[in-house]
C-alpha atoms as a PDB file:
ATOM      1  CA  UNK A   1     -11.295  16.913   3.990  1.00  0.00           C
ATOM      2  CA  UNK A   2      -9.289  19.387   6.046  1.00  0.00           C
ATOM      3  CA  UNK A   3     -10.969  18.094   9.230  1.00  0.00           C
ATOM      4  CA  UNK A   4      -9.072  14.846   8.726  1.00  0.00           C
ATOM      5  CA  UNK A   5      -5.745  16.631   8.412  1.00  0.00           C
ATOM      6  CA  UNK A   6      -5.493  16.251   4.631  1.00  0.00           C
ATOM      7  CA  UNK A   7      -4.008  18.747   2.216  1.00  0.00           C
ATOM      8  CA  UNK A   8      -6.401  20.534  -0.105  1.00  0.00           C
ATOM      9  CA  UNK A   9      -6.554  19.163  -3.633  1.00  0.00           C
ATOM     10  CA  UNK A  10      -7.322  22.677  -4.853  1.00  0.00           C
ATOM     11  CA  UNK A  11      -3.791  23.931  -4.163  1.00  0.00           C
ATOM     12  CA  UNK A  12      -0.577  22.938  -5.911  1.00  0.00           C
ATOM     13  CA  UNK A  13       0.276  19.468  -4.661  1.00  0.00           C
ATOM     14  CA  UNK A  14       3.720  18.624  -3.342  1.00  0.00           C
ATOM     15  CA  UNK A  15       4.990  15.287  -4.643  1.00  0.00           C
ATOM     16  CA  UNK A  16       7.597  12.955  -3.160  1.00  0.00           C
ATOM     17  CA  UNK A  17       8.434   9.258  -3.601  1.00  0.00           C
ATOM     18  CA  UNK A  18       6.718   7.126  -0.957  1.00  0.00           C
ATOM     19  CA  UNK A  19      10.013   5.275  -0.409  1.00  0.00           C
ATOM     20  CA  UNK A  20      11.584   8.480   0.933  1.00  0.00           C
ATOM     21  CA  UNK A  21       9.091   8.447   3.784  1.00  0.00           C
ATOM     22  CA  UNK A  22      10.149   4.892   4.569  1.00  0.00           C
ATOM     23  CA  UNK A  23      13.799   5.993   4.727  1.00  0.00           C
ATOM     24  CA  UNK A  24      13.007   8.758   7.205  1.00  0.00           C
ATOM     25  CA  UNK A  25      10.803   6.455   9.258  1.00  0.00           C
ATOM     26  CA  UNK A  26      13.462   3.754   9.496  1.00  0.00           C
ATOM     27  CA  UNK A  27      16.030   6.313  10.609  1.00  0.00           C
ATOM     28  CA  UNK A  28      13.631   7.542  13.288  1.00  0.00           C
ATOM     29  CA  UNK A  29      12.910   3.985  14.444  1.00  0.00           C
ATOM     30  CA  UNK A  30      16.653   3.351  14.675  1.00  0.00           C
ATOM     31  CA  UNK A  31      17.054   6.410  16.892  1.00  0.00           C
ATOM     32  CA  UNK A  32      14.246   5.295  19.199  1.00  0.00           C
ATOM     33  CA  UNK A  33      15.058   1.599  19.557  1.00  0.00           C
ATOM     34  CA  UNK A  34      18.536   0.095  19.661  1.00  0.00           C
ATOM     35  CA  UNK A  35      17.307  -3.347  18.585  1.00  0.00           C
ATOM     36  CA  UNK A  36      16.115  -2.063  15.195  1.00  0.00           C
ATOM     37  CA  UNK A  37      18.450  -3.456  12.524  1.00  0.00           C
ATOM     38  CA  UNK A  38      18.372  -3.453   8.731  1.00  0.00           C
ATOM     39  CA  UNK A  39      19.513  -5.526   5.767  1.00  0.00           C
ATOM     40  CA  UNK A  40      19.285  -4.906   2.027  1.00  0.00           C
ATOM     41  CA  UNK A  41      19.789  -6.827  -1.198  1.00  0.00           C
ATOM     42  CA  UNK A  42      22.147  -4.425  -2.975  1.00  0.00           C
ATOM     43  CA  UNK A  43      19.526  -1.673  -3.345  1.00  0.00           C
ATOM     44  CA  UNK A  44      20.314   0.465  -0.329  1.00  0.00           C
ATOM     45  CA  UNK A  45      20.019   3.827  -2.091  1.00  0.00           C
ATOM     46  CA  UNK A  46      17.032   2.879  -4.229  1.00  0.00           C
ATOM     47  CA  UNK A  47      14.985   1.685  -1.259  1.00  0.00           C
ATOM     48  CA  UNK A  48      16.153   4.660   0.860  1.00  0.00           C
ATOM     49  CA  UNK A  49      17.623   2.349   3.500  1.00  0.00           C
ATOM     50  CA  UNK A  50      20.853   4.333   3.025  1.00  0.00           C
ATOM     51  CA  UNK A  51      19.788   6.861   5.691  1.00  0.00           C
ATOM     52  CA  UNK A  52      19.768   4.125   8.317  1.00  0.00           C
ATOM     53  CA  UNK A  53      22.933   2.474   7.009  1.00  0.00           C
ATOM     54  CA  UNK A  54      24.875   5.734   7.235  1.00  0.00           C
ATOM     55  CA  UNK A  55      23.629   6.530  10.736  1.00  0.00           C
ATOM     56  CA  UNK A  56      23.970   3.008  12.167  1.00  0.00           C
ATOM     57  CA  UNK A  57      26.563   1.080  10.124  1.00  0.00           C
ATOM     58  CA  UNK A  58      27.041  -1.425  12.955  1.00  0.00           C
ATOM     59  CA  UNK A  59      23.315  -2.309  12.719  1.00  0.00           C
ATOM     60  CA  UNK A  60      23.179  -2.677   8.934  1.00  0.00           C
ATOM     61  CA  UNK A  61      24.064  -5.678   6.736  1.00  0.00           C
ATOM     62  CA  UNK A  62      24.459  -5.554   2.952  1.00  0.00           C
ATOM     63  CA  UNK A  63      23.370  -9.011   1.836  1.00  0.00           C
ATOM     64  CA  UNK A  64      23.993  -8.541  -1.875  1.00  0.00           C
ATOM     65  CA  UNK A  65      21.869  -9.914  -4.708  1.00  0.00           C
ATOM     66  CA  UNK A  66      20.495 -12.812  -2.666  1.00  0.00           C
ATOM     67  CA  UNK A  67      16.876 -12.159  -1.757  1.00  0.00           C
ATOM     68  CA  UNK A  68      16.209 -15.629  -0.311  1.00  0.00           C
ATOM     69  CA  UNK A  69      19.153 -15.116   2.024  1.00  0.00           C
ATOM     70  CA  UNK A  70      17.942 -11.615   2.848  1.00  0.00           C
ATOM     71  CA  UNK A  71      14.720 -12.756   4.499  1.00  0.00           C
ATOM     72  CA  UNK A  72      16.200 -15.815   6.190  1.00  0.00           C
ATOM     73  CA  UNK A  73      18.880 -13.621   7.770  1.00  0.00           C
ATOM     74  CA  UNK A  74      16.027 -11.353   8.863  1.00  0.00           C
ATOM     75  CA  UNK A  75      14.245 -14.287  10.467  1.00  0.00           C
ATOM     76  CA  UNK A  76      17.403 -15.262  12.352  1.00  0.00           C
ATOM     77  CA  UNK A  77      17.903 -11.706  13.599  1.00  0.00           C
ATOM     78  CA  UNK A  78      14.293 -11.622  14.801  1.00  0.00           C
ATOM     79  CA  UNK A  79      14.785 -14.931  16.621  1.00  0.00           C
ATOM     80  CA  UNK A  80      17.630 -13.277  18.528  1.00  0.00           C
ATOM     81  CA  UNK A  81      15.458 -10.391  19.717  1.00  0.00           C
ATOM     82  CA  UNK A  82      16.174  -7.846  16.990  1.00  0.00           C
ATOM     83  CA  UNK A  83      13.603  -5.899  14.949  1.00  0.00           C
ATOM     84  CA  UNK A  84      14.862  -6.444  11.391  1.00  0.00           C
ATOM     85  CA  UNK A  85      13.796  -4.429   8.356  1.00  0.00           C
ATOM     86  CA  UNK A  86      14.749  -6.108   5.072  1.00  0.00           C
ATOM     87  CA  UNK A  87      14.399  -4.216   1.788  1.00  0.00           C
ATOM     88  CA  UNK A  88      14.546  -4.887  -1.928  1.00  0.00           C
ATOM     89  CA  UNK A  89      12.407  -4.289  -4.997  1.00  0.00           C
ATOM     90  CA  UNK A  90       8.986  -5.874  -4.600  1.00  0.00           C
ATOM     91  CA  UNK A  91       9.600  -7.825  -7.825  1.00  0.00           C
ATOM     92  CA  UNK A  92      12.328  -9.719  -5.952  1.00  0.00           C
ATOM     93  CA  UNK A  93      11.004  -9.599  -2.390  1.00  0.00           C
ATOM     94  CA  UNK A  94       8.412 -11.111  -2.163  1.00  0.00           C
ATOM     95  CA  UNK A  95       8.586 -11.950  -5.873  1.00  0.00           C
ATOM     96  CA  UNK A  96      11.643 -14.187  -5.655  1.00  0.00           C
ATOM     97  CA  UNK A  97      11.685 -15.299  -2.016  1.00  0.00           C
ATOM     98  CA  UNK A  98       8.042 -15.962  -1.165  1.00  0.00           C
ATOM     99  CA  UNK A  99       8.728 -19.525   0.017  1.00  0.00           C
ATOM    100  CA  UNK A 100      11.440 -18.355   2.439  1.00  0.00           C
ATOM    101  CA  UNK A 101       9.116 -15.657   3.762  1.00  0.00           C
ATOM    102  CA  UNK A 102       6.396 -18.273   4.237  1.00  0.00           C
ATOM    103  CA  UNK A 103       8.553 -20.869   5.966  1.00  0.00           C
ATOM    104  CA  UNK A 104      11.168 -18.959   7.952  1.00  0.00           C
ATOM    105  CA  UNK A 105       9.149 -15.857   8.865  1.00  0.00           C
ATOM    106  CA  UNK A 106       5.399 -16.529   8.816  1.00  0.00           C
ATOM    107  CA  UNK A 107       5.432 -20.137  10.017  1.00  0.00           C
ATOM    108  CA  UNK A 108       7.555 -19.074  12.990  1.00  0.00           C
ATOM    109  CA  UNK A 109       5.672 -15.771  13.418  1.00  0.00           C
ATOM    110  CA  UNK A 110       8.922 -13.773  13.405  1.00  0.00           C
ATOM    111  CA  UNK A 111       8.454  -9.965  13.476  1.00  0.00           C
ATOM    112  CA  UNK A 112      10.482  -9.311  10.318  1.00  0.00           C
ATOM    113  CA  UNK A 113       9.548  -6.125   8.448  1.00  0.00           C
ATOM    114  CA  UNK A 114       9.647  -6.797   4.689  1.00  0.00           C
ATOM    115  CA  UNK A 115       9.943  -3.719   2.490  1.00  0.00           C
ATOM    116  CA  UNK A 116       8.900  -4.111  -1.151  1.00  0.00           C
ATOM    117  CA  UNK A 117       9.877  -0.990  -3.066  1.00  0.00           C
ATOM    118  CA  UNK A 118       9.255  -0.009  -6.691  1.00  0.00           C
ATOM    119  CA  UNK A 119       5.836  -1.700  -6.819  1.00  0.00           C
ATOM    120  CA  UNK A 120       3.130  -0.992  -9.387  1.00  0.00           C
ATOM    121  CA  UNK A 121       3.161   0.112 -13.026  1.00  0.00           C
ATOM    122  CA  UNK A 122       4.387   3.569 -11.984  1.00  0.00           C
ATOM    123  CA  UNK A 123       7.903   2.082 -11.934  1.00  0.00           C
ATOM    124  CA  UNK A 124       7.608   3.176 -15.569  1.00  0.00           C
ATOM    125  CA  UNK A 125      10.350   2.459 -18.118  1.00  0.00           C
ATOM    126  CA  UNK A 126      11.759  -0.526 -16.184  1.00  0.00           C
ATOM    127  CA  UNK A 127       8.880  -2.486 -17.691  1.00  0.00           C
ATOM    128  CA  UNK A 128       6.941  -5.613 -16.845  1.00  0.00           C
ATOM    129  CA  UNK A 129       9.764  -7.540 -15.171  1.00  0.00           C
ATOM    130  CA  UNK A 130      10.130  -4.859 -12.477  1.00  0.00           C
ATOM    131  CA  UNK A 131       6.520  -3.694 -12.231  1.00  0.00           C
ATOM    132  CA  UNK A 132       5.421  -5.872  -9.323  1.00  0.00           C
ATOM    133  CA  UNK A 133       1.629  -6.164  -9.410  1.00  0.00           C
ATOM    134  CA  UNK A 134       1.051  -9.440  -7.582  1.00  0.00           C
ATOM    135  CA  UNK A 135       2.599  -8.654  -4.185  1.00  0.00           C
ATOM    136  CA  UNK A 136      -0.570  -7.679  -2.327  1.00  0.00           C
ATOM    137  CA  UNK A 137      -2.208 -10.980  -3.205  1.00  0.00           C
ATOM    138  CA  UNK A 138       0.945 -12.974  -2.469  1.00  0.00           C
ATOM    139  CA  UNK A 139       1.359 -11.472   0.979  1.00  0.00           C
ATOM    140  CA  UNK A 140      -2.314 -11.294   1.926  1.00  0.00           C
ATOM    141  CA  UNK A 141      -2.685 -15.078   1.808  1.00  0.00           C
ATOM    142  CA  UNK A 142       0.183 -15.731   4.249  1.00  0.00           C
ATOM    143  CA  UNK A 143      -0.840 -16.565   7.826  1.00  0.00           C
ATOM    144  CA  UNK A 144       0.464 -14.060  10.424  1.00  0.00           C
ATOM    145  CA  UNK A 145       1.466 -11.506   7.757  1.00  0.00           C
ATOM    146  CA  UNK A 146       0.309  -7.878   8.094  1.00  0.00           C
ATOM    147  CA  UNK A 147       0.053  -6.037   4.749  1.00  0.00           C
ATOM    148  CA  UNK A 148       0.430  -2.240   4.515  1.00  0.00           C
ATOM    149  CA  UNK A 149       0.246   0.096   1.496  1.00  0.00           C
ATOM    150  CA  UNK A 150       0.747   3.784   2.457  1.00  0.00           C
ATOM    151  CA  UNK A 151      -0.804   6.471   0.273  1.00  0.00           C
ATOM    152  CA  UNK A 152       2.124   8.928   0.414  1.00  0.00           C
ATOM    153  CA  UNK A 153       5.563   9.569   1.912  1.00  0.00           C
ATOM    154  CA  UNK A 154       4.254  11.042   5.171  1.00  0.00           C
ATOM    155  CA  UNK A 155       2.054   8.036   5.844  1.00  0.00           C
ATOM    156  CA  UNK A 156       4.941   5.712   4.907  1.00  0.00           C
ATOM    157  CA  UNK A 157       7.106   7.401   7.529  1.00  0.00           C
ATOM    158  CA  UNK A 158       4.433   6.875  10.190  1.00  0.00           C
ATOM    159  CA  UNK A 159       3.833   3.309   9.067  1.00  0.00           C
ATOM    160  CA  UNK A 160       7.531   2.437   9.321  1.00  0.00           C
ATOM    161  CA  UNK A 161       7.768   3.664  12.904  1.00  0.00           C
ATOM    162  CA  UNK A 162       4.561   1.768  13.745  1.00  0.00           C
ATOM    163  CA  UNK A 163       5.921  -1.408  12.146  1.00  0.00           C
ATOM    164  CA  UNK A 164       8.968  -1.303  14.424  1.00  0.00           C
ATOM    165  CA  UNK A 165       6.636  -1.687  17.400  1.00  0.00           C
ATOM    166  CA  UNK A 166       4.330  -4.290  15.854  1.00  0.00           C
ATOM    167  CA  UNK A 167       4.775  -7.879  17.102  1.00  0.00           C
ATOM    168  CA  UNK A 168       3.966  -9.693  13.825  1.00  0.00           C
ATOM    169  CA  UNK A 169       5.606 -10.055  10.411  1.00  0.00           C
ATOM    170  CA  UNK A 170       4.837  -6.979   8.291  1.00  0.00           C
ATOM    171  CA  UNK A 171       4.966  -6.236   4.574  1.00  0.00           C
ATOM    172  CA  UNK A 172       4.966  -2.633   3.356  1.00  0.00           C
ATOM    173  CA  UNK A 173       4.545  -1.696  -0.294  1.00  0.00           C
ATOM    174  CA  UNK A 174       6.401   1.370  -1.618  1.00  0.00           C
ATOM    175  CA  UNK A 175       6.221   3.204  -4.945  1.00  0.00           C
ATOM    176  CA  UNK A 176       9.229   4.495  -6.883  1.00  0.00           C
ATOM    177  CA  UNK A 177       7.984   7.694  -8.516  1.00  0.00           C
ATOM    178  CA  UNK A 178       7.008  10.917  -6.788  1.00  0.00           C
ATOM    179  CA  UNK A 179       3.438  10.666  -5.504  1.00  0.00           C
ATOM    180  CA  UNK A 180       1.195  13.574  -4.419  1.00  0.00           C
ATOM    181  CA  UNK A 181       1.502  14.185  -0.675  1.00  0.00           C
ATOM    182  CA  UNK A 182      -2.103  14.279   0.537  1.00  0.00           C
ATOM    183  CA  UNK A 183      -1.628  13.712   4.282  1.00  0.00           C
ATOM    184  CA  UNK A 184       0.026  15.868   6.945  1.00  0.00           C
ATOM    185  CA  UNK A 185       1.735  15.332  10.274  1.00  0.00           C
ATOM    186  CA  UNK A 186      -1.727  15.643  11.867  1.00  0.00           C
ATOM    187  CA  UNK A 187      -3.404  12.949   9.764  1.00  0.00           C
ATOM    188  CA  UNK A 188      -4.029   9.881  11.945  1.00  0.00           C
ATOM    189  CA  UNK A 189      -2.379   6.555  11.176  1.00  0.00           C
ATOM    190  CA  UNK A 190      -2.326   3.225  12.967  1.00  0.00           C
ATOM    191  CA  UNK A 191      -1.747  -0.264  11.654  1.00  0.00           C
ATOM    192  CA  UNK A 192      -5.210  -1.768  11.220  1.00  0.00           C
ATOM    193  CA  UNK A 193      -7.834   0.954  10.701  1.00  0.00           C
ATOM    194  CA  UNK A 194      -9.332   2.095   7.434  1.00  0.00           C
ATOM    195  CA  UNK A 195     -10.044   5.826   7.276  1.00  0.00           C
ATOM    196  CA  UNK A 196     -13.034   7.664   5.852  1.00  0.00           C
ATOM    197  CA  UNK A 197     -11.270  10.624   4.251  1.00  0.00           C
ATOM    198  CA  UNK A 198     -14.422  12.097   2.739  1.00  0.00           C
ATOM    199  CA  UNK A 199     -17.951  11.229   3.942  1.00  0.00           C
ATOM    200  CA  UNK A 200     -20.662  10.581   1.365  1.00  0.00           C
ATOM    201  CA  UNK A 201     -23.864   8.646   0.857  1.00  0.00           C
ATOM    202  CA  UNK A 202     -24.083   7.620  -2.812  1.00  0.00           C
ATOM    203  CA  UNK A 203     -21.112   5.315  -3.467  1.00  0.00           C
ATOM    204  CA  UNK A 204     -18.039   4.158  -1.530  1.00  0.00           C
ATOM    205  CA  UNK A 205     -14.671   4.647  -3.242  1.00  0.00           C
ATOM    206  CA  UNK A 206     -12.316   2.264  -1.418  1.00  0.00           C
ATOM    207  CA  UNK A 207      -8.653   2.734  -2.300  1.00  0.00           C
ATOM    208  CA  UNK A 208      -5.188   1.838  -1.104  1.00  0.00           C
ATOM    209  CA  UNK A 209      -1.630   3.035  -1.724  1.00  0.00           C
ATOM    210  CA  UNK A 210      -1.080   5.425  -4.622  1.00  0.00           C
ATOM    211  CA  UNK A 211      -4.704   5.106  -5.752  1.00  0.00           C
ATOM    212  CA  UNK A 212      -6.130   6.936  -2.743  1.00  0.00           C
ATOM    213  CA  UNK A 213      -5.121  10.270  -4.280  1.00  0.00           C
ATOM    214  CA  UNK A 214      -6.934   9.321  -7.483  1.00  0.00           C
ATOM    215  CA  UNK A 215     -10.016   8.297  -5.492  1.00  0.00           C
ATOM    216  CA  UNK A 216     -10.122  11.719  -3.845  1.00  0.00           C
ATOM    217  CA  UNK A 217      -9.829  13.390  -7.243  1.00  0.00           C
ATOM    218  CA  UNK A 218     -12.581  11.148  -8.603  1.00  0.00           C
ATOM    219  CA  UNK A 219     -14.826  12.138  -5.685  1.00  0.00           C
ATOM    220  CA  UNK A 220     -14.427  15.785  -6.661  1.00  0.00           C
ATOM    221  CA  UNK A 221     -15.300  15.000 -10.273  1.00  0.00           C
ATOM    222  CA  UNK A 222     -18.322  12.986  -9.151  1.00  0.00           C
ATOM    223  CA  UNK A 223     -19.496  15.925  -7.066  1.00  0.00           C
ATOM    224  CA  UNK A 224     -19.812  17.910 -10.285  1.00  0.00           C
ATOM    225  CA  UNK A 225     -21.986  15.054 -11.559  1.00  0.00           C
ATOM    226  CA  UNK A 226     -24.264  15.468  -8.549  1.00  0.00           C
ATOM    227  CA  UNK A 227     -22.900  12.348  -6.832  1.00  0.00           C
ATOM    228  CA  UNK A 228     -21.711  12.461  -3.233  1.00  0.00           C
ATOM    229  CA  UNK A 229     -19.006   9.806  -3.024  1.00  0.00           C
ATOM    230  CA  UNK A 230     -17.468   8.544   0.197  1.00  0.00           C
ATOM    231  CA  UNK A 231     -13.699   7.930   0.064  1.00  0.00           C
ATOM    232  CA  UNK A 232     -12.286   5.212   2.301  1.00  0.00           C
ATOM    233  CA  UNK A 233      -8.513   4.826   2.492  1.00  0.00           C
ATOM    234  CA  UNK A 234      -7.269   1.324   3.353  1.00  0.00           C
ATOM    235  CA  UNK A 235      -3.576   1.537   4.292  1.00  0.00           C
ATOM    236  CA  UNK A 236      -3.769  -1.856   6.044  1.00  0.00           C
ATOM    237  CA  UNK A 237      -5.060  -4.567   3.709  1.00  0.00           C
ATOM    238  CA  UNK A 238      -4.536  -7.258   6.315  1.00  0.00           C
ATOM    239  CA  UNK A 239      -5.961  -7.350   8.891  1.00  0.00           C
ATOM    240  CA  UNK A 240      -8.827  -5.656   7.069  1.00  0.00           C
ATOM    241  CA  UNK A 241     -10.933  -3.125   8.982  1.00  0.00           C
ATOM    242  CA  UNK A 242     -14.158  -4.925   8.156  1.00  0.00           C
ATOM    243  CA  UNK A 243     -16.290  -2.850  10.531  1.00  0.00           C
ATOM    244  CA  UNK A 244     -15.464   0.497   8.882  1.00  0.00           C
ATOM    245  CA  UNK A 245     -15.846  -0.918   5.382  1.00  0.00           C
ATOM    246  CA  UNK A 246     -19.168  -2.656   6.063  1.00  0.00           C
ATOM    247  CA  UNK A 247     -20.531   0.517   7.655  1.00  0.00           C
ATOM    248  CA  UNK A 248     -19.561   2.570   4.605  1.00  0.00           C
ATOM    249  CA  UNK A 249     -20.821   0.115   1.983  1.00  0.00           C
ATOM    250  CA  UNK A 250     -24.060  -0.498   3.866  1.00  0.00           C
ATOM    251  CA  UNK A 251     -24.690   3.254   3.997  1.00  0.00           C
ATOM    252  CA  UNK A 252     -23.964   3.933   0.305  1.00  0.00           C
ATOM    253  CA  UNK A 253     -25.149   0.683  -1.241  1.00  0.00           C
ATOM    254  CA  UNK A 254     -22.443   0.608  -3.940  1.00  0.00           C
ATOM    255  CA  UNK A 255     -18.662   0.325  -3.967  1.00  0.00           C
ATOM    256  CA  UNK A 256     -15.658   0.879  -6.244  1.00  0.00           C
ATOM    257  CA  UNK A 257     -12.210  -0.418  -5.266  1.00  0.00           C
ATOM    258  CA  UNK A 258      -8.939   0.977  -6.629  1.00  0.00           C
ATOM    259  CA  UNK A 259      -5.396  -0.373  -6.391  1.00  0.00           C
ATOM    260  CA  UNK A 260      -2.197  -0.214  -8.462  1.00  0.00           C
ATOM    261  CA  UNK A 261      -1.885  -3.962  -8.668  1.00  0.00           C
ATOM    262  CA  UNK A 262      -3.500  -7.075 -10.115  1.00  0.00           C
ATOM    263  CA  UNK A 263      -7.267  -6.929  -9.949  1.00  0.00           C
ATOM    264  CA  UNK A 264      -7.213 -10.474  -8.556  1.00  0.00           C
ATOM    265  CA  UNK A 265      -5.971 -11.203  -5.050  1.00  0.00           C
ATOM    266  CA  UNK A 266      -5.430  -7.725  -3.609  1.00  0.00           C
ATOM    267  CA  UNK A 267      -7.713  -5.031  -2.211  1.00  0.00           C
ATOM    268  CA  UNK A 268     -10.514  -5.633  -4.713  1.00  0.00           C
ATOM    269  CA  UNK A 269     -10.632  -9.308  -3.837  1.00  0.00           C
ATOM    270  CA  UNK A 270     -10.593  -8.521  -0.117  1.00  0.00           C
ATOM    271  CA  UNK A 271     -13.539  -6.144  -0.512  1.00  0.00           C
ATOM    272  CA  UNK A 272     -15.392  -8.618  -2.749  1.00  0.00           C
ATOM    273  CA  UNK A 273     -15.061 -11.211   0.007  1.00  0.00           C
ATOM    274  CA  UNK A 274     -16.324  -8.703   2.557  1.00  0.00           C
ATOM    275  CA  UNK A 275     -19.276  -7.630   0.413  1.00  0.00           C
ATOM    276  CA  UNK A 276     -20.276 -11.221  -0.300  1.00  0.00           C
ATOM    277  CA  UNK A 277     -20.157 -12.191   3.364  1.00  0.00           C
ATOM    278  CA  UNK A 278     -21.528  -9.108   5.128  1.00  0.00           C
ATOM    279  CA  UNK A 279     -23.180  -6.508   2.887  1.00  0.00           C
ATOM    280  CA  UNK A 280     -24.166  -7.494  -0.674  1.00  0.00           C
ATOM    281  CA  UNK A 281     -23.894  -4.461  -2.977  1.00  0.00           C
ATOM    282  CA  UNK A 282     -22.849  -3.636  -6.556  1.00  0.00           C
ATOM    283  CA  UNK A 283     -19.056  -3.731  -6.770  1.00  0.00           C
ATOM    284  CA  UNK A 284     -16.697  -2.519  -9.508  1.00  0.00           C
ATOM    285  CA  UNK A 285     -12.964  -3.151  -9.164  1.00  0.00           C
ATOM    286  CA  UNK A 286     -10.221  -0.940 -10.597  1.00  0.00           C
ATOM    287  CA  UNK A 287      -6.841  -2.631 -10.987  1.00  0.00           C
ATOM    288  CA  UNK A 288      -4.589  -4.313 -13.539  1.00  0.00           C
ATOM    289  CA  UNK A 289      -6.897  -6.484 -15.667  1.00  0.00           C
ATOM    290  CA  UNK A 290      -5.071  -9.817 -15.457  1.00  0.00           C
ATOM    291  CA  UNK A 291      -2.097  -8.762 -17.551  1.00  0.00           C
ATOM    292  CA  UNK A 292       1.490  -7.593 -17.152  1.00  0.00           C
ATOM    293  CA  UNK A 293       2.649  -4.009 -17.401  1.00  0.00           C
ATOM    294  CA  UNK A 294       4.879  -2.470 -20.059  1.00  0.00           C
ATOM    295  CA  UNK A 295       7.480   0.261 -20.409  1.00  0.00           C
ATOM    296  CA  UNK A 296       6.385   3.889 -20.484  1.00  0.00           C
ATOM    297  CA  UNK A 297       6.062   7.076 -18.491  1.00  0.00           C
ATOM    298  CA  UNK A 298       4.321   6.500 -15.135  1.00  0.00           C
ATOM    299  CA  UNK A 299       1.375   8.844 -15.742  1.00  0.00           C
ATOM    300  CA  UNK A 300       0.852   7.478 -19.233  1.00  0.00           C
ATOM    301  CA  UNK A 301       0.838   3.911 -17.946  1.00  0.00           C
ATOM    302  CA  UNK A 302      -1.640   4.702 -15.175  1.00  0.00           C
ATOM    303  CA  UNK A 303      -4.008   6.256 -17.710  1.00  0.00           C
ATOM    304  CA  UNK A 304      -3.435   3.479 -20.262  1.00  0.00           C
ATOM    305  CA  UNK A 305      -4.354   0.767 -17.764  1.00  0.00           C
ATOM    306  CA  UNK A 306      -7.290   2.690 -16.287  1.00  0.00           C
ATOM    307  CA  UNK A 307      -5.652   3.423 -12.936  1.00  0.00           C
ATOM    308  CA  UNK A 308      -6.628   7.063 -12.494  1.00  0.00           C
ATOM    309  CA  UNK A 309      -9.417   9.378 -11.338  1.00  0.00           C
ATOM    310  CA  UNK A 310     -11.179   9.340 -14.720  1.00  0.00           C
ATOM    311  CA  UNK A 311     -11.651   5.588 -14.638  1.00  0.00           C
ATOM    312  CA  UNK A 312     -12.656   5.542 -10.965  1.00  0.00           C
ATOM    313  CA  UNK A 313     -15.358   8.102 -11.825  1.00  0.00           C
ATOM    314  CA  UNK A 314     -16.626   5.941 -14.695  1.00  0.00           C
ATOM    315  CA  UNK A 315     -16.591   2.878 -12.439  1.00  0.00           C
ATOM    316  CA  UNK A 316     -18.657   4.766  -9.859  1.00  0.00           C
ATOM    317  CA  UNK A 317     -21.290   5.558 -12.486  1.00  0.00           C
ATOM    318  CA  UNK A 318     -21.334   1.877 -13.478  1.00  0.00           C
ATOM    319  CA  UNK A 319     -21.803   0.804  -9.844  1.00  0.00           C
ATOM    320  CA  UNK A 320     -24.592   3.351  -9.387  1.00  0.00           C
ATOM    321  CA  UNK A 321     -26.348   2.115 -12.544  1.00  0.00           C
ATOM    322  CA  UNK A 322     -26.316  -1.392 -11.099  1.00  0.00           C
ATOM    323  CA  UNK A 323     -27.442  -0.068  -7.726  1.00  0.00           C
ATOM    324  CA  UNK A 324     -30.470   1.542  -9.394  1.00  0.00           C
ATOM    325  CA  UNK A 325     -31.466  -1.789 -10.927  1.00  0.00           C
ATOM    326  CA  UNK A 326     -31.508  -3.563  -7.554  1.00  0.00           C
END
C-alpha cells in the first residue's frame, strides 16, 4: 500500500475530522483565487468554514438558519462569476433544500460547491435527525451534479481545492468525528477517478468516504483467511469511474461495497447498476439497512449497524461463497 502513498495500518494511526481538511482546503482555494466566496447557514465553526471567514471576511456571508436561501444565494453568486462554497449540516443541505439545489443550481448548471458536513451515523449522540444517510442517493440522481466523499482529512483538503476549479455543481460529504488519516500529501487525487489502493484477485472491496479505512482493515483480515482482496476507493461517486471498477470486478469475479449511508441509492446502488450492465458478478452491499440511525458513541454505532471491517470481511466471504456456486 505504501507504493500508493498510503500510511501503514500497522503503525499508530493519526485521526482527524474530515471537515478540518475541508476548512484548510477552502482557505487555500481562497488564497489562490479571488473569486472564491463562501456562505454558511449559522454553522461556520462546525463546518470549519471559519478559517475562510476569518481570512476573507469581505468574501464571506453568514446566511443564518435558512438553508433554502443559502443555496439560492450561492446560485446567484455563481451566475455573477464567483465560485461559491455553501456549507451546512448534510441533514439540512441537501436534506432541507434539495428542491432549491435542483432548480436554481443543477437546472442552470451553476458551479456552486455544496458542503454537507456531519453526515453518517458517526455523528453519534445527535441521533437520527442529524445522522444524514440519504444524501448520496439524493445528490447522485441530480443532473449535472458531481458527488464526492473523501476518505480522510487530507483527501478532503485536496478535493476542496479541486472543486474550486471544477466547472460543474459539486457536492462533498464530510464526517464530524475524527477519522483515521490513511492518505498522505503524495497520495493522488482528482475528481473522477477511482483508485485501487490494494491489488488483489479474489474479491473487490469497493468503498467510499469513511468506509475506505474499514475496507483496508478488512483486506488485512481476509489475508489471514487466505483471501487476497482488492481494495478500490471511490471518492467520486458521480461521475463514476466505470472503467476502473469494471476492470477490478471482472478480474476478481466478486464484489463487496461499503458506505456509511443508506444501502439504497448510494455507492452500493451505483455499483449494482454497473455490475448488472457490464460485468455480472456476486455482489454484497454494506450500508444502513433501510432504517434510521440512533444516538450512541460513533464506534459503537458503526459496529451495531455493521459498518466496520468485521462485517466487510463477513460480506466478502458471503460473496466468495456465491462466486463458488456460479
